[in-house]
Amino acid sequence: MEQWDRDYIDLVVPGYIEFEKDNLGSFQFGTVQGGLDCRLETGAECERVEFSWEGVNDNDPGSGRGWAELRDGQLYGRLYIHCGDDSWFKARRV
């Protein structure tokens, strides 16, 4: 992530983002965690998932949105915190 270093990303649990088949998912990095409501967008160039999220941001209620797409076997995307920070991310399957 461009905004946070590995120590913060893995502060509570190893940072992750997970998409499920039922258009739901979850993520956590540092003290930010949330449940995802996902929509798959298919286009000419790639498949992209767009999502909104709701959860906590530093123990306060939090929400936002984001997107992710597969490129060369890795997941690239951007996560937005409502009225706050945003950051690109790169993730790999484990």
PDB file of N, CA and C in Angstrom:
ATOM      1  N   MET A   1       0.849  -1.177   0.000  1.00  0.00           N
ATOM      2  CA  MET A   1       0.000   0.000   0.000  1.00  0.00           C
ATOM      3  C   MET A   1       0.894   1.239   0.000  1.00  0.00           C
ATOM      4  N   GLU A   2       0.445   2.272  -0.667  1.00  0.00           N
ATOM      5  CA  GLU A   2       1.276   3.459  -0.741  1.00  0.00           C
ATOM      6  C   GLU A   2       1.226   4.299   0.536  1.00  0.00           C
ATOM      7  N   GLN A   3       0.127   4.238   1.294  1.00  0.00           N
ATOM      8  CA  GLN A   3      -0.031   5.096   2.464  1.00  0.00           C
ATOM      9  C   GLN A   3       0.495   4.487   3.764  1.00  0.00           C
ATOM     10  N   TRP A   4       0.569   3.158   3.843  1.00  0.00           N
ATOM     11  CA  TRP A   4       0.917   2.518   5.101  1.00  0.00           C
ATOM     12  C   TRP A   4       2.016   1.492   4.870  1.00  0.00           C
ATOM     13  N   ASP A   5       2.930   1.370   5.810  1.00  0.00           N
ATOM     14  CA  ASP A   5       4.024   0.407   5.667  1.00  0.00           C
ATOM     15  C   ASP A   5       3.604  -0.966   6.194  1.00  0.00           C
ATOM     16  N   ARG A   6       4.437  -1.972   5.934  1.00  0.00           N
ATOM     17  CA  ARG A   6       4.131  -3.363   6.289  1.00  0.00           C
ATOM     18  C   ARG A   6       3.876  -3.518   7.790  1.00  0.00           C
ATOM     19  N   ASP A   7       4.621  -2.808   8.642  1.00  0.00           N
ATOM     20  CA  ASP A   7       4.404  -2.928  10.084  1.00  0.00           C
ATOM     21  C   ASP A   7       2.983  -2.516  10.466  1.00  0.00           C
ATOM     22  N   TYR A   8       2.472  -1.439   9.862  1.00  0.00           N
ATOM     23  CA  TYR A   8       1.101  -1.040  10.162  1.00  0.00           C
ATOM     24  C   TYR A   8       0.100  -2.000   9.532  1.00  0.00           C
ATOM     25  N   ILE A   9       0.332  -2.386   8.285  1.00  0.00           N
ATOM     26  CA  ILE A   9      -0.606  -3.282   7.592  1.00  0.00           C
ATOM     27  C   ILE A   9      -0.833  -4.557   8.404  1.00  0.00           C
ATOM     28  N   ASP A  10       0.216  -5.113   8.992  1.00  0.00           N
ATOM     29  CA  ASP A  10       0.143  -6.366   9.758  1.00  0.00           C
ATOM     30  C   ASP A  10       0.043  -6.138  11.267  1.00  0.00           C
ATOM     31  N   LEU A  11      -0.323  -4.959  11.715  1.00  0.00           N
ATOM     32  CA  LEU A  11      -0.326  -4.603  13.137  1.00  0.00           C
ATOM     33  C   LEU A  11      -1.178  -5.529  13.992  1.00  0.00           C
ATOM     34  N   VAL A  12      -2.395  -5.844  13.583  1.00  0.00           N
ATOM     35  CA  VAL A  12      -3.322  -6.652  14.378  1.00  0.00           C
ATOM     36  C   VAL A  12      -3.340  -8.095  13.876  1.00  0.00           C
ATOM     37  N   VAL A  13      -3.510  -8.269  12.582  1.00  0.00           N
ATOM     38  CA  VAL A  13      -3.470  -9.574  11.906  1.00  0.00           C
ATOM     39  C   VAL A  13      -2.708  -9.342  10.599  1.00  0.00           C
ATOM     40  N   PRO A  14      -2.218 -10.394   9.952  1.00  0.00           N
ATOM     41  CA  PRO A  14      -1.629 -10.178   8.630  1.00  0.00           C
ATOM     42  C   PRO A  14      -2.673  -9.528   7.711  1.00  0.00           C
ATOM     43  N   GLY A  15      -2.326  -8.408   7.102  1.00  0.00           N
ATOM     44  CA  GLY A  15      -3.260  -7.683   6.246  1.00  0.00           C
ATOM     45  C   GLY A  15      -3.801  -8.563   5.129  1.00  0.00           C
ATOM     46  N   TYR A  16      -5.084  -8.406   4.818  1.00  0.00           N
ATOM     47  CA  TYR A  16      -5.695  -9.233   3.769  1.00  0.00           C
ATOM     48  C   TYR A  16      -6.892  -8.529   3.165  1.00  0.00           C
ATOM     49  N   ILE A  17      -7.276  -8.982   1.990  1.00  0.00           N
ATOM     50  CA  ILE A  17      -8.557  -8.660   1.372  1.00  0.00           C
ATOM     51  C   ILE A  17      -9.066  -9.960   0.780  1.00  0.00           C
ATOM     52  N   GLU A  18     -10.342 -10.258   1.002  1.00  0.00           N
ATOM     53  CA  GLU A  18     -10.919 -11.541   0.581  1.00  0.00           C
ATOM     54  C   GLU A  18     -12.249 -11.297  -0.111  1.00  0.00           C
ATOM     55  N   PHE A  19     -12.395 -11.866  -1.311  1.00  0.00           N
ATOM     56  CA  PHE A  19     -13.635 -11.782  -2.065  1.00  0.00           C
ATOM     57  C   PHE A  19     -14.282 -13.159  -2.075  1.00  0.00           C
ATOM     58  N   GLU A  20     -15.583 -13.203  -1.808  1.00  0.00           N
ATOM     59  CA  GLU A  20     -16.319 -14.459  -1.772  1.00  0.00           C
ATOM     60  C   GLU A  20     -17.263 -14.541  -2.964  1.00  0.00           C
ATOM     61  N   LYS A  21     -17.763 -15.730  -3.245  1.00  0.00           N
ATOM     62  CA  LYS A  21     -18.624 -15.954  -4.412  1.00  0.00           C
ATOM     63  C   LYS A  21     -19.992 -15.301  -4.288  1.00  0.00           C
ATOM     64  N   ASP A  22     -20.419 -14.967  -3.115  1.00  0.00           N
ATOM     65  CA  ASP A  22     -21.763 -14.417  -2.908  1.00  0.00           C
ATOM     66  C   ASP A  22     -21.795 -12.884  -2.938  1.00  0.00           C
ATOM     67  N   ASN A  23     -20.830 -12.276  -3.614  1.00  0.00           N
ATOM     68  CA  ASN A  23     -20.710 -10.815  -3.723  1.00  0.00           C
ATOM     69  C   ASN A  23     -20.405 -10.127  -2.398  1.00  0.00           C
ATOM     70  N   LEU A  24     -19.862 -10.878  -1.454  1.00  0.00           N
ATOM     71  CA  LEU A  24     -19.439 -10.320  -0.183  1.00  0.00           C
ATOM     72  C   LEU A  24     -17.943 -10.545  -0.025  1.00  0.00           C
ATOM     73  N   GLY A  25     -17.385 -10.013   1.025  1.00  0.00           N
ATOM     74  CA  GLY A  25     -15.975 -10.219   1.314  1.00  0.00           C
ATOM     75  C   GLY A  25     -15.601  -9.464   2.572  1.00  0.00           C
ATOM     76  N   SER A  26     -14.309  -9.414   2.846  1.00  0.00           N
ATOM     77  CA  SER A  26     -13.823  -8.709   4.022  1.00  0.00           C
ATOM     78  C   SER A  26     -12.367  -8.309   3.813  1.00  0.00           C
ATOM     79  N   PHE A  27     -11.892  -7.393   4.643  1.00  0.00           N
ATOM     80  CA  PHE A  27     -10.493  -6.988   4.604  1.00  0.00           C
ATOM     81  C   PHE A  27     -10.083  -6.484   5.976  1.00  0.00           C
ATOM     82  N   GLN A  28      -8.799  -6.463   6.200  1.00  0.00           N
ATOM     83  CA  GLN A  28      -8.242  -5.798   7.378  1.00  0.00           C
ATOM     84  C   GLN A  28      -6.807  -5.432   7.090  1.00  0.00           C
ATOM     85  N   PHE A  29      -6.455  -4.233   7.452  1.00  0.00           N
ATOM     86  CA  PHE A  29      -5.061  -3.809   7.509  1.00  0.00           C
ATOM     87  C   PHE A  29      -4.961  -2.842   8.675  1.00  0.00           C
ATOM     88  N   GLY A  30      -3.949  -3.024   9.490  1.00  0.00           N
ATOM     89  CA  GLY A  30      -3.815  -2.186  10.677  1.00  0.00           C
ATOM     90  C   GLY A  30      -5.072  -2.239  11.512  1.00  0.00           C
ATOM     91  N   THR A  31      -5.571  -1.073  11.869  1.00  0.00           N
ATOM     92  CA  THR A  31      -6.788  -0.998  12.685  1.00  0.00           C
ATOM     93  C   THR A  31      -8.018  -0.641  11.836  1.00  0.00           C
ATOM     94  N   VAL A  32      -7.914  -0.884  10.532  1.00  0.00           N
ATOM     95  CA  VAL A  32      -9.042  -0.656   9.619  1.00  0.00           C
ATOM     96  C   VAL A  32      -9.541  -2.011   9.154  1.00  0.00           C
ATOM     97  N   GLN A  33     -10.827  -2.275   9.346  1.00  0.00           N
ATOM     98  CA  GLN A  33     -11.393  -3.536   8.887  1.00  0.00           C
ATOM     99  C   GLN A  33     -12.819  -3.308   8.436  1.00  0.00           C
ATOM    100  N   GLY A  34     -13.260  -4.159   7.505  1.00  0.00           N
ATOM    101  CA  GLY A  34     -14.617  -3.978   7.031  1.00  0.00           C
ATOM    102  C   GLY A  34     -15.146  -5.161   6.261  1.00  0.00           C
ATOM    103  N   GLY A  35     -16.457  -5.156   6.111  1.00  0.00           N
ATOM    104  CA  GLY A  35     -17.149  -6.110   5.263  1.00  0.00           C
ATOM    105  C   GLY A  35     -17.372  -5.474   3.905  1.00  0.00           C
ATOM    106  N   LEU A  36     -17.254  -6.278   2.847  1.00  0.00           N
ATOM    107  CA  LEU A  36     -17.369  -5.786   1.481  1.00  0.00           C
ATOM    108  C   LEU A  36     -18.699  -6.173   0.849  1.00  0.00           C
ATOM    109  N   ASP A  37     -19.236  -5.284   0.055  1.00  0.00           N
ATOM    110  CA  ASP A  37     -20.377  -5.544  -0.826  1.00  0.00           C
ATOM    111  C   ASP A  37     -19.833  -5.335  -2.231  1.00  0.00           C
ATOM    112  N   CYS A  38     -19.696  -6.411  -3.010  1.00  0.00           N
ATOM    113  CA  CYS A  38     -18.942  -6.399  -4.269  1.00  0.00           C
ATOM    114  C   CYS A  38     -19.845  -6.533  -5.489  1.00  0.00           C
ATOM    115  N   ARG A  39     -19.382  -5.965  -6.585  1.00  0.00           N
ATOM    116  CA  ARG A  39     -20.029  -6.110  -7.889  1.00  0.00           C
ATOM    117  C   ARG A  39     -18.951  -6.345  -8.931  1.00  0.00           C
ATOM    118  N   LEU A  40     -19.088  -7.397  -9.705  1.00  0.00           N
ATOM    119  CA  LEU A  40     -18.127  -7.727 -10.746  1.00  0.00           C
ATOM    120  C   LEU A  40     -18.490  -6.971 -12.017  1.00  0.00           C
ATOM    121  N   GLU A  41     -17.535  -6.245 -12.554  1.00  0.00           N
ATOM    122  CA  GLU A  41     -17.710  -5.498 -13.797  1.00  0.00           C
ATOM    123  C   GLU A  41     -16.847  -6.170 -14.855  1.00  0.00           C
ATOM    124  N   THR A  42     -17.443  -6.545 -15.967  1.00  0.00           N
ATOM    125  CA  THR A  42     -16.673  -7.155 -17.039  1.00  0.00           C
ATOM    126  C   THR A  42     -16.603  -6.181 -18.201  1.00  0.00           C
ATOM    127  N   GLY A  43     -15.394  -6.025 -18.720  1.00  0.00           N
ATOM    128  CA  GLY A  43     -15.196  -5.127 -19.842  1.00  0.00           C
ATOM    129  C   GLY A  43     -14.313  -5.773 -20.882  1.00  0.00           C
ATOM    130  N   ALA A  44     -13.974  -5.036 -21.890  1.00  0.00           N
ATOM    131  CA  ALA A  44     -13.159  -5.561 -22.982  1.00  0.00           C
ATOM    132  C   ALA A  44     -11.750  -5.916 -22.533  1.00  0.00           C
ATOM    133  N   GLU A  45     -11.209  -5.172 -21.575  1.00  0.00           N
ATOM    134  CA  GLU A  45      -9.818  -5.366 -21.195  1.00  0.00           C
ATOM    135  C   GLU A  45      -9.621  -6.317 -20.014  1.00  0.00           C
ATOM    136  N   CYS A  46     -10.504  -6.273 -19.026  1.00  0.00           N
ATOM    137  CA  CYS A  46     -10.294  -7.115 -17.844  1.00  0.00           C
ATOM    138  C   CYS A  46     -11.580  -7.207 -17.023  1.00  0.00           C
ATOM    139  N   GLU A  47     -11.556  -8.107 -16.057  1.00  0.00           N
ATOM    140  CA  GLU A  47     -12.626  -8.174 -15.067  1.00  0.00           C
ATOM    141  C   GLU A  47     -12.184  -7.342 -13.873  1.00  0.00           C
ATOM    142  N   ARG A  48     -13.118  -6.602 -13.346  1.00  0.00           N
ATOM    143  CA  ARG A  48     -12.816  -5.703 -12.236  1.00  0.00           C
ATOM    144  C   ARG A  48     -13.935  -5.839 -11.221  1.00  0.00           C
ATOM    145  N   VAL A  49     -13.576  -5.867  -9.955  1.00  0.00           N
ATOM    146  CA  VAL A  49     -14.573  -5.882  -8.899  1.00  0.00           C
ATOM    147  C   VAL A  49     -14.588  -4.489  -8.264  1.00  0.00           C
ATOM    148  N   GLU A  50     -15.781  -3.958  -8.132  1.00  0.00           N
ATOM    149  CA  GLU A  50     -15.964  -2.697  -7.422  1.00  0.00           C
ATOM    150  C   GLU A  50     -16.716  -3.026  -6.143  1.00  0.00           C
ATOM    151  N   PHE A  51     -16.377  -2.322  -5.064  1.00  0.00           N
ATOM    152  CA  PHE A  51     -16.974  -2.651  -3.776  1.00  0.00           C
ATOM    153  C   PHE A  51     -17.180  -1.417  -2.921  1.00  0.00           C
ATOM    154  N   SER A  52     -18.135  -1.540  -2.031  1.00  0.00           N
ATOM    155  CA  SER A  52     -18.281  -0.603  -0.935  1.00  0.00           C
ATOM    156  C   SER A  52     -17.953  -1.389   0.333  1.00  0.00           C
ATOM    157  N   TRP A  53     -17.593  -0.687   1.377  1.00  0.00           N
ATOM    158  CA  TRP A  53     -17.277  -1.382   2.626  1.00  0.00           C
ATOM    159  C   TRP A  53     -17.808  -0.589   3.812  1.00  0.00           C
ATOM    160  N   GLU A  54     -18.041  -1.341   4.876  1.00  0.00           N
ATOM    161  CA  GLU A  54     -18.483  -0.758   6.134  1.00  0.00           C
ATOM    162  C   GLU A  54     -17.806  -1.527   7.254  1.00  0.00           C
ATOM    163  N   GLY A  55     -17.322  -0.813   8.255  1.00  0.00           N
ATOM    164  CA  GLY A  55     -16.639  -1.482   9.358  1.00  0.00           C
ATOM    165  C   GLY A  55     -16.117  -0.482  10.361  1.00  0.00           C
ATOM    166  N   VAL A  56     -14.830  -0.590  10.689  1.00  0.00           N
ATOM    167  CA  VAL A  56     -14.209   0.311  11.661  1.00  0.00           C
ATOM    168  C   VAL A  56     -12.903   0.868  11.101  1.00  0.00           C
ATOM    169  N   ASN A  57     -12.612   2.077  11.545  1.00  0.00           N
ATOM    170  CA  ASN A  57     -11.374   2.762  11.219  1.00  0.00           C
ATOM    171  C   ASN A  57     -10.821   3.305  12.530  1.00  0.00           C
ATOM    172  N   ASP A  58      -9.787   2.678  13.045  1.00  0.00           N
ATOM    173  CA  ASP A  58      -9.220   3.067  14.350  1.00  0.00           C
ATOM    174  C   ASP A  58     -10.281   3.076  15.451  1.00  0.00           C
ATOM    175  N   ASN A  59     -11.084   2.041  15.519  1.00  0.00           N
ATOM    176  CA  ASN A  59     -12.138   1.837  16.528  1.00  0.00           C
ATOM    177  C   ASN A  59     -13.329   2.774  16.389  1.00  0.00           C
ATOM    178  N   ASP A  60     -13.368   3.598  15.363  1.00  0.00           N
ATOM    179  CA  ASP A  60     -14.535   4.420  15.065  1.00  0.00           C
ATOM    180  C   ASP A  60     -15.264   3.798  13.879  1.00  0.00           C
ATOM    181  N   PRO A  61     -16.559   4.034  13.749  1.00  0.00           N
ATOM    182  CA  PRO A  61     -17.247   3.521  12.563  1.00  0.00           C
ATOM    183  C   PRO A  61     -16.558   4.032  11.304  1.00  0.00           C
ATOM    184  N   GLY A  62     -16.467   3.158  10.300  1.00  0.00           N
ATOM    185  CA  GLY A  62     -15.815   3.537   9.056  1.00  0.00           C
ATOM    186  C   GLY A  62     -16.538   2.953   7.864  1.00  0.00           C
ATOM    187  N   SER A  63     -16.335   3.574   6.724  1.00  0.00           N
ATOM    188  CA  SER A  63     -16.922   3.088   5.486  1.00  0.00           C
ATOM    189  C   SER A  63     -16.122   3.639   4.323  1.00  0.00           C
ATOM    190  N   GLY A  64     -16.431   3.141   3.142  1.00  0.00           N
ATOM    191  CA  GLY A  64     -15.748   3.633   1.957  1.00  0.00           C
ATOM    192  C   GLY A  64     -16.087   2.794   0.749  1.00  0.00           C
ATOM    193  N   ARG A  65     -15.182   2.817  -0.202  1.00  0.00           N
ATOM    194  CA  ARG A  65     -15.376   2.099  -1.451  1.00  0.00           C
ATOM    195  C   ARG A  65     -14.027   1.707  -2.002  1.00  0.00           C
ATOM    196  N   GLY A  66     -14.031   0.981  -3.119  1.00  0.00           N
ATOM    197  CA  GLY A  66     -12.782   0.617  -3.753  1.00  0.00           C
ATOM    198  C   GLY A  66     -13.010  -0.228  -4.983  1.00  0.00           C
ATOM    199  N   TRP A  67     -11.920  -0.665  -5.566  1.00  0.00           N
ATOM    200  CA  TRP A  67     -11.966  -1.531  -6.745  1.00  0.00           C
ATOM    201  C   TRP A  67     -10.702  -2.371  -6.754  1.00  0.00           C
ATOM    202  N   ALA A  68     -10.761  -3.470  -7.508  1.00  0.00           N
ATOM    203  CA  ALA A  68      -9.596  -4.345  -7.660  1.00  0.00           C
ATOM    204  C   ALA A  68      -9.710  -5.101  -8.980  1.00  0.00           C
ATOM    205  N   GLU A  69      -8.557  -5.434  -9.564  1.00  0.00           N
ATOM    206  CA  GLU A  69      -8.534  -6.220 -10.794  1.00  0.00           C
ATOM    207  C   GLU A  69      -7.276  -7.078 -10.824  1.00  0.00           C
ATOM    208  N   LEU A  70      -7.390  -8.226 -11.488  1.00  0.00           N
ATOM    209  CA  LEU A  70      -6.245  -9.117 -11.643  1.00  0.00           C
ATOM    210  C   LEU A  70      -5.412  -8.674 -12.834  1.00  0.00           C
ATOM    211  N   ARG A  71      -4.094  -8.588 -12.605  1.00  0.00           N
ATOM    212  CA  ARG A  71      -3.143  -8.286 -13.667  1.00  0.00           C
ATOM    213  C   ARG A  71      -1.914  -9.153 -13.437  1.00  0.00           C
ATOM    214  N   ASP A  72      -1.577  -9.959 -14.408  1.00  0.00           N
ATOM    215  CA  ASP A  72      -0.374 -10.797 -14.322  1.00  0.00           C
ATOM    216  C   ASP A  72      -0.344 -11.639 -13.052  1.00  0.00           C
ATOM    217  N   GLY A  73      -1.494 -12.167 -12.649  1.00  0.00           N
ATOM    218  CA  GLY A  73      -1.559 -13.051 -11.492  1.00  0.00           C
ATOM    219  C   GLY A  73      -1.549 -12.359 -10.142  1.00  0.00           C
ATOM    220  N   GLN A  74      -1.556 -11.027 -10.112  1.00  0.00           N
ATOM    221  CA  GLN A  74      -1.607 -10.297  -8.850  1.00  0.00           C
ATOM    222  C   GLN A  74      -2.832  -9.388  -8.852  1.00  0.00           C
ATOM    223  N   LEU A  75      -3.302  -9.068  -7.662  1.00  0.00           N
ATOM    224  CA  LEU A  75      -4.469  -8.223  -7.497  1.00  0.00           C
ATOM    225  C   LEU A  75      -4.011  -6.788  -7.247  1.00  0.00           C
ATOM    226  N   TYR A  76      -4.477  -5.874  -8.075  1.00  0.00           N
ATOM    227  CA  TYR A  76      -4.179  -4.452  -7.917  1.00  0.00           C
ATOM    228  C   TYR A  76      -5.488  -3.723  -7.685  1.00  0.00           C
ATOM    229  N   GLY A  77      -5.453  -2.695  -6.845  1.00  0.00           N
ATOM    230  CA  GLY A  77      -6.677  -1.957  -6.606  1.00  0.00           C
ATOM    231  C   GLY A  77      -6.445  -0.687  -5.827  1.00  0.00           C
ATOM    232  N   ARG A  78      -7.530  -0.082  -5.428  1.00  0.00           N
ATOM    233  CA  ARG A  78      -7.486   1.140  -4.635  1.00  0.00           C
ATOM    234  C   ARG A  78      -8.610   1.060  -3.605  1.00  0.00           C
ATOM    235  N   LEU A  79      -8.295   1.468  -2.375  1.00  0.00           N
ATOM    236  CA  LEU A  79      -9.251   1.475  -1.275  1.00  0.00           C
ATOM    237  C   LEU A  79      -9.412   2.912  -0.793  1.00  0.00           C
ATOM    238  N   TYR A  80     -10.648   3.337  -0.667  1.00  0.00           N
ATOM    239  CA  TYR A  80     -10.966   4.690  -0.218  1.00  0.00           C
ATOM    240  C   TYR A  80     -11.666   4.616   1.133  1.00  0.00           C
ATOM    241  N   ILE A  81     -11.244   5.458   2.063  1.00  0.00           N
ATOM    242  CA  ILE A  81     -11.920   5.621   3.351  1.00  0.00           C
ATOM    243  C   ILE A  81     -12.773   6.879   3.233  1.00  0.00           C
ATOM    244  N   HIS A  82     -14.078   6.750   3.494  1.00  0.00           N
ATOM    245  CA  HIS A  82     -14.995   7.876   3.354  1.00  0.00           C
ATOM    246  C   HIS A  82     -14.492   9.072   4.154  1.00  0.00           C
ATOM    247  N   CYS A  83     -14.349  10.217   3.485  1.00  0.00           N
ATOM    248  CA  CYS A  83     -13.865  11.471   4.098  1.00  0.00           C
ATOM    249  C   CYS A  83     -12.480  11.307   4.713  1.00  0.00           C
ATOM    250  N   GLY A  84     -11.657  10.421   4.142  1.00  0.00           N
ATOM    251  CA  GLY A  84     -10.326  10.199   4.702  1.00  0.00           C
ATOM    252  C   GLY A  84      -9.326   9.819   3.638  1.00  0.00           C
ATOM    253  N   ASP A  85      -8.374   8.991   4.026  1.00  0.00           N
ATOM    254  CA  ASP A  85      -7.287   8.576   3.153  1.00  0.00           C
ATOM    255  C   ASP A  85      -7.759   7.634   2.059  1.00  0.00           C
ATOM    256  N   ASP A  86      -6.909   7.472   1.055  1.00  0.00           N
ATOM    257  CA  ASP A  86      -7.080   6.413   0.070  1.00  0.00           C
ATOM    258  C   ASP A  86      -5.687   5.929  -0.307  1.00  0.00           C
ATOM    259  N   SER A  87      -5.626   4.692  -0.776  1.00  0.00           N
ATOM    260  CA  SER A  87      -4.333   4.104  -1.115  1.00  0.00           C
ATOM    261  C   SER A  87      -4.508   3.017  -2.154  1.00  0.00           C
ATOM    262  N   TRP A  88      -3.554   2.914  -3.077  1.00  0.00           N
ATOM    263  CA  TRP A  88      -3.524   1.766  -3.978  1.00  0.00           C
ATOM    264  C   TRP A  88      -2.975   0.585  -3.183  1.00  0.00           C
ATOM    265  N   PHE A  89      -3.254  -0.605  -3.657  1.00  0.00           N
ATOM    266  CA  PHE A  89      -2.700  -1.796  -3.025  1.00  0.00           C
ATOM    267  C   PHE A  89      -2.391  -2.837  -4.077  1.00  0.00           C
ATOM    268  N   LYS A  90      -1.504  -3.728  -3.705  1.00  0.00           N
ATOM    269  CA  LYS A  90      -1.172  -4.895  -4.513  1.00  0.00           C
ATOM    270  C   LYS A  90      -1.208  -6.078  -3.567  1.00  0.00           C
ATOM    271  N   ALA A  91      -1.885  -7.137  -3.969  1.00  0.00           N
ATOM    272  CA  ALA A  91      -2.017  -8.320  -3.113  1.00  0.00           C
ATOM    273  C   ALA A  91      -1.722  -9.564  -3.939  1.00  0.00           C
ATOM    274  N   ARG A  92      -1.334 -10.606  -3.248  1.00  0.00           N
ATOM    275  CA  ARG A  92      -1.109 -11.881  -3.913  1.00  0.00           C
ATOM    276  C   ARG A  92      -1.874 -12.965  -3.175  1.00  0.00           C
ATOM    277  N   ARG A  93      -2.247 -13.994  -3.910  1.00  0.00           N
ATOM    278  CA  ARG A  93      -2.997 -15.104  -3.323  1.00  0.00           C
ATOM    279  C   ARG A  93      -2.065 -15.902  -2.424  1.00  0.00           C
ATOM    280  N   VAL A  94      -2.571 -16.267  -1.255  1.00  0.00           N
ATOM    281  CA  VAL A  94      -1.792 -17.143  -0.336  1.00  0.00           C
ATOM    282  C   VAL A  94      -2.544 -18.398  -0.051  1.00  0.00           C
TER     283      VAL A  94
END
